[in-house]
Amino acid sequence: MDFTARHIGFVLAAYGIAFALIATMALATVMRYRAVKRRLEELERLGAPRRRKAAPAPSADSTSSGDPTEEQPA
């Protein structure tokens, strides 16, 4: 990068703004994750029921790939 160019201020400002926006979005994501995690822990502590049951784990002897369009042997 040529730091003696006349437009260097614009280039550095663009990099600074881009960095600030990305950092802000990353920080907002982390803060939202922590808030949701705290809320989930609180609900689980209070014994709130879940909307859906967890999907059962596939059995070890199953040879199916889990693809619903896959034909099953007869």
N, C-alpha and C. Protein backbone atom coordinates (compact mmCIF):
# COMPACT_ATOMS: atom_id res chain seq x y z
N MET A 1 0.85 -1.17 0.00
CA MET A 1 0.00 0.00 0.00
C MET A 1 0.90 1.23 0.00
N ASP A 2 0.57 2.14 -0.84
CA ASP A 2 1.35 3.36 -0.99
C ASP A 2 0.81 4.41 0.00
N PHE A 3 1.53 4.65 1.08
CA PHE A 3 1.06 5.59 2.10
C PHE A 3 1.30 7.04 1.71
N THR A 4 1.90 7.27 0.57
CA THR A 4 2.13 8.65 0.14
C THR A 4 1.07 9.12 -0.86
N ALA A 5 0.15 8.23 -1.21
CA ALA A 5 -0.91 8.59 -2.17
C ALA A 5 -1.84 9.62 -1.54
N ARG A 6 -2.44 10.44 -2.41
CA ARG A 6 -3.32 11.50 -1.92
C ARG A 6 -4.60 10.95 -1.32
N HIS A 7 -5.03 9.78 -1.75
CA HIS A 7 -6.31 9.23 -1.29
C HIS A 7 -6.16 8.26 -0.11
N ILE A 8 -5.00 8.22 0.52
CA ILE A 8 -4.74 7.28 1.60
C ILE A 8 -5.71 7.47 2.77
N GLY A 9 -6.13 8.69 3.01
CA GLY A 9 -7.08 8.95 4.10
C GLY A 9 -8.40 8.25 3.87
N PHE A 10 -8.87 8.27 2.63
CA PHE A 10 -10.13 7.59 2.31
C PHE A 10 -9.99 6.08 2.45
N VAL A 11 -8.86 5.55 2.02
CA VAL A 11 -8.64 4.11 2.10
C VAL A 11 -8.58 3.67 3.56
N LEU A 12 -7.81 4.39 4.38
CA LEU A 12 -7.71 4.03 5.79
C LEU A 12 -9.05 4.21 6.51
N ALA A 13 -9.80 5.24 6.15
CA ALA A 13 -11.13 5.44 6.75
C ALA A 13 -12.05 4.28 6.39
N ALA A 14 -12.00 3.83 5.15
CA ALA A 14 -12.85 2.70 4.73
C ALA A 14 -12.47 1.44 5.50
N TYR A 15 -11.17 1.18 5.65
CA TYR A 15 -10.74 0.03 6.44
C TYR A 15 -11.18 0.17 7.90
N GLY A 16 -11.07 1.35 8.45
CA GLY A 16 -11.48 1.57 9.83
C GLY A 16 -12.97 1.36 10.03
N ILE A 17 -13.77 1.88 9.12
CA ILE A 17 -15.22 1.71 9.23
C ILE A 17 -15.59 0.24 9.08
N ALA A 18 -14.98 -0.45 8.13
CA ALA A 18 -15.27 -1.87 7.93
C ALA A 18 -14.89 -2.67 9.18
N PHE A 19 -13.74 -2.38 9.75
CA PHE A 19 -13.31 -3.08 10.96
C PHE A 19 -14.28 -2.80 12.11
N ALA A 20 -14.69 -1.55 12.27
CA ALA A 20 -15.60 -1.19 13.35
C ALA A 20 -16.95 -1.90 13.18
N LEU A 21 -17.46 -1.97 11.97
CA LEU A 21 -18.74 -2.64 11.74
C LEU A 21 -18.66 -4.13 12.01
N ILE A 22 -17.59 -4.76 11.54
CA ILE A 22 -17.43 -6.20 11.77
C ILE A 22 -17.26 -6.49 13.25
N ALA A 23 -16.48 -5.69 13.94
CA ALA A 23 -16.29 -5.88 15.38
C ALA A 23 -17.60 -5.68 16.13
N THR A 24 -18.38 -4.68 15.74
CA THR A 24 -19.68 -4.43 16.38
C THR A 24 -20.62 -5.61 16.16
N MET A 25 -20.66 -6.13 14.95
CA MET A 25 -21.54 -7.27 14.67
C MET A 25 -21.10 -8.51 15.45
N ALA A 26 -19.80 -8.74 15.56
CA ALA A 26 -19.31 -9.88 16.32
C ALA A 26 -19.64 -9.72 17.80
N LEU A 27 -19.46 -8.52 18.34
CA LEU A 27 -19.79 -8.26 19.74
C LEU A 27 -21.28 -8.44 19.99
N ALA A 28 -22.12 -7.95 19.10
CA ALA A 28 -23.57 -8.10 19.25
C ALA A 28 -23.96 -9.57 19.22
N THR A 29 -23.31 -10.35 18.37
CA THR A 29 -23.60 -11.78 18.29
C THR A 29 -23.24 -12.48 19.59
N VAL A 30 -22.07 -12.19 20.13
CA VAL A 30 -21.64 -12.80 21.38
C VAL A 30 -22.57 -12.40 22.53
N MET A 31 -22.95 -11.13 22.58
CA MET A 31 -23.84 -10.66 23.65
C MET A 31 -25.21 -11.33 23.54
N ARG A 32 -25.73 -11.47 22.32
CA ARG A 32 -27.03 -12.12 22.12
C ARG A 32 -26.95 -13.59 22.51
N TYR A 33 -25.88 -14.27 22.14
CA TYR A 33 -25.69 -15.67 22.50
C TYR A 33 -25.70 -15.85 24.00
N ARG A 34 -24.99 -15.00 24.71
CA ARG A 34 -24.94 -15.11 26.17
C ARG A 34 -26.30 -14.85 26.80
N ALA A 35 -27.05 -13.89 26.26
CA ALA A 35 -28.38 -13.58 26.79
C ALA A 35 -29.32 -14.75 26.58
N VAL A 36 -29.29 -15.34 25.40
CA VAL A 36 -30.16 -16.49 25.11
C VAL A 36 -29.77 -17.68 25.98
N LYS A 37 -28.48 -17.89 26.14
CA LYS A 37 -28.01 -18.99 26.97
C LYS A 37 -28.46 -18.82 28.43
N ARG A 38 -28.35 -17.59 28.95
CA ARG A 38 -28.81 -17.32 30.32
C ARG A 38 -30.32 -17.58 30.45
N ARG A 39 -31.08 -17.14 29.45
CA ARG A 39 -32.53 -17.33 29.47
C ARG A 39 -32.89 -18.80 29.41
N LEU A 40 -32.21 -19.56 28.58
CA LEU A 40 -32.46 -21.00 28.48
C LEU A 40 -32.14 -21.69 29.80
N GLU A 41 -31.02 -21.34 30.42
CA GLU A 41 -30.66 -21.93 31.71
C GLU A 41 -31.71 -21.61 32.77
N GLU A 42 -32.21 -20.37 32.74
CA GLU A 42 -33.24 -19.97 33.69
C GLU A 42 -34.52 -20.78 33.48
N LEU A 43 -34.92 -20.94 32.24
CA LEU A 43 -36.13 -21.70 31.94
C LEU A 43 -35.97 -23.17 32.34
N GLU A 44 -34.81 -23.74 32.08
CA GLU A 44 -34.57 -25.13 32.46
C GLU A 44 -34.56 -25.27 33.98
N ARG A 45 -34.02 -24.28 34.68
CA ARG A 45 -34.00 -24.31 36.14
C ARG A 45 -35.42 -24.26 36.70
N LEU A 46 -36.28 -23.48 36.04
CA LEU A 46 -37.67 -23.36 36.49
C LEU A 46 -38.52 -24.55 36.07
N GLY A 47 -37.99 -25.41 35.24
CA GLY A 47 -38.71 -26.60 34.82
C GLY A 47 -39.68 -26.36 33.68
N ALA A 48 -39.45 -25.36 32.90
CA ALA A 48 -40.33 -25.07 31.76
C ALA A 48 -40.22 -26.19 30.74
N PRO A 49 -41.36 -26.65 30.22
CA PRO A 49 -41.30 -27.73 29.22
C PRO A 49 -40.77 -27.21 27.89
N ARG A 50 -40.17 -28.11 27.14
CA ARG A 50 -39.69 -27.75 25.81
C ARG A 50 -40.83 -27.89 24.82
N ARG A 51 -40.75 -27.16 23.73
CA ARG A 51 -41.80 -27.24 22.71
C ARG A 51 -41.75 -28.56 21.96
N ARG A 52 -40.56 -29.02 21.68
CA ARG A 52 -40.39 -30.26 20.92
C ARG A 52 -39.55 -31.22 21.74
N LYS A 53 -39.81 -32.47 21.52
CA LYS A 53 -38.97 -33.49 22.13
C LYS A 53 -37.69 -33.60 21.30
N ALA A 54 -36.61 -33.93 21.95
CA ALA A 54 -35.35 -34.12 21.24
C ALA A 54 -35.47 -35.34 20.34
N ALA A 55 -34.89 -35.27 19.16
CA ALA A 55 -34.92 -36.40 18.23
C ALA A 55 -34.10 -37.53 18.81
N PRO A 56 -34.62 -38.76 18.70
CA PRO A 56 -33.84 -39.90 19.24
C PRO A 56 -32.57 -40.10 18.44
N ALA A 57 -31.54 -40.50 19.15
CA ALA A 57 -30.25 -40.75 18.50
C ALA A 57 -30.37 -42.00 17.64
N PRO A 58 -29.75 -42.02 16.47
CA PRO A 58 -29.82 -43.21 15.63
C PRO A 58 -29.12 -44.38 16.31
N SER A 59 -29.67 -45.57 16.12
CA SER A 59 -29.06 -46.73 16.74
C SER A 59 -27.77 -47.10 16.03
N ALA A 60 -26.88 -47.77 16.74
CA ALA A 60 -25.57 -48.12 16.20
C ALA A 60 -25.68 -49.15 15.09
N ASP A 61 -26.73 -50.02 15.12
CA ASP A 61 -26.85 -51.05 14.11
C ASP A 61 -27.59 -50.58 12.86
N SER A 62 -28.00 -49.33 12.84
CA SER A 62 -28.72 -48.78 11.69
C SER A 62 -27.74 -48.53 10.55
N THR A 63 -28.13 -48.96 9.34
CA THR A 63 -27.29 -48.72 8.17
C THR A 63 -27.83 -47.61 7.30
N SER A 64 -28.93 -47.01 7.73
CA SER A 64 -29.55 -45.94 6.95
C SER A 64 -28.71 -44.68 7.08
N SER A 65 -28.67 -43.92 5.99
CA SER A 65 -27.93 -42.67 6.01
C SER A 65 -28.76 -41.54 6.60
N GLY A 66 -30.06 -41.81 6.87
CA GLY A 66 -30.91 -40.77 7.41
C GLY A 66 -31.63 -39.98 6.34
N ASP A 67 -31.36 -40.29 5.09
CA ASP A 67 -32.01 -39.59 3.98
C ASP A 67 -33.42 -40.14 3.81
N PRO A 68 -34.47 -39.31 3.98
CA PRO A 68 -35.84 -39.81 3.89
C PRO A 68 -36.22 -40.26 2.47
N THR A 69 -35.47 -39.82 1.48
CA THR A 69 -35.77 -40.23 0.10
C THR A 69 -35.08 -41.54 -0.27
N GLU A 70 -34.24 -42.03 0.62
CA GLU A 70 -33.52 -43.26 0.36
C GLU A 70 -34.49 -44.44 0.46
N GLU A 71 -34.43 -45.35 -0.52
CA GLU A 71 -35.31 -46.51 -0.50
C GLU A 71 -34.80 -47.51 0.53
N GLN A 72 -35.76 -48.10 1.25
CA GLN A 72 -35.43 -49.09 2.25
C GLN A 72 -35.46 -50.47 1.60
N PRO A 73 -34.53 -51.36 1.93
CA PRO A 73 -34.55 -52.72 1.37
C PRO A 73 -35.76 -53.49 1.87
N ALA A 74 -36.30 -54.35 1.03
CA ALA A 74 -37.51 -55.11 1.39
C ALA A 74 -37.18 -56.41 2.07
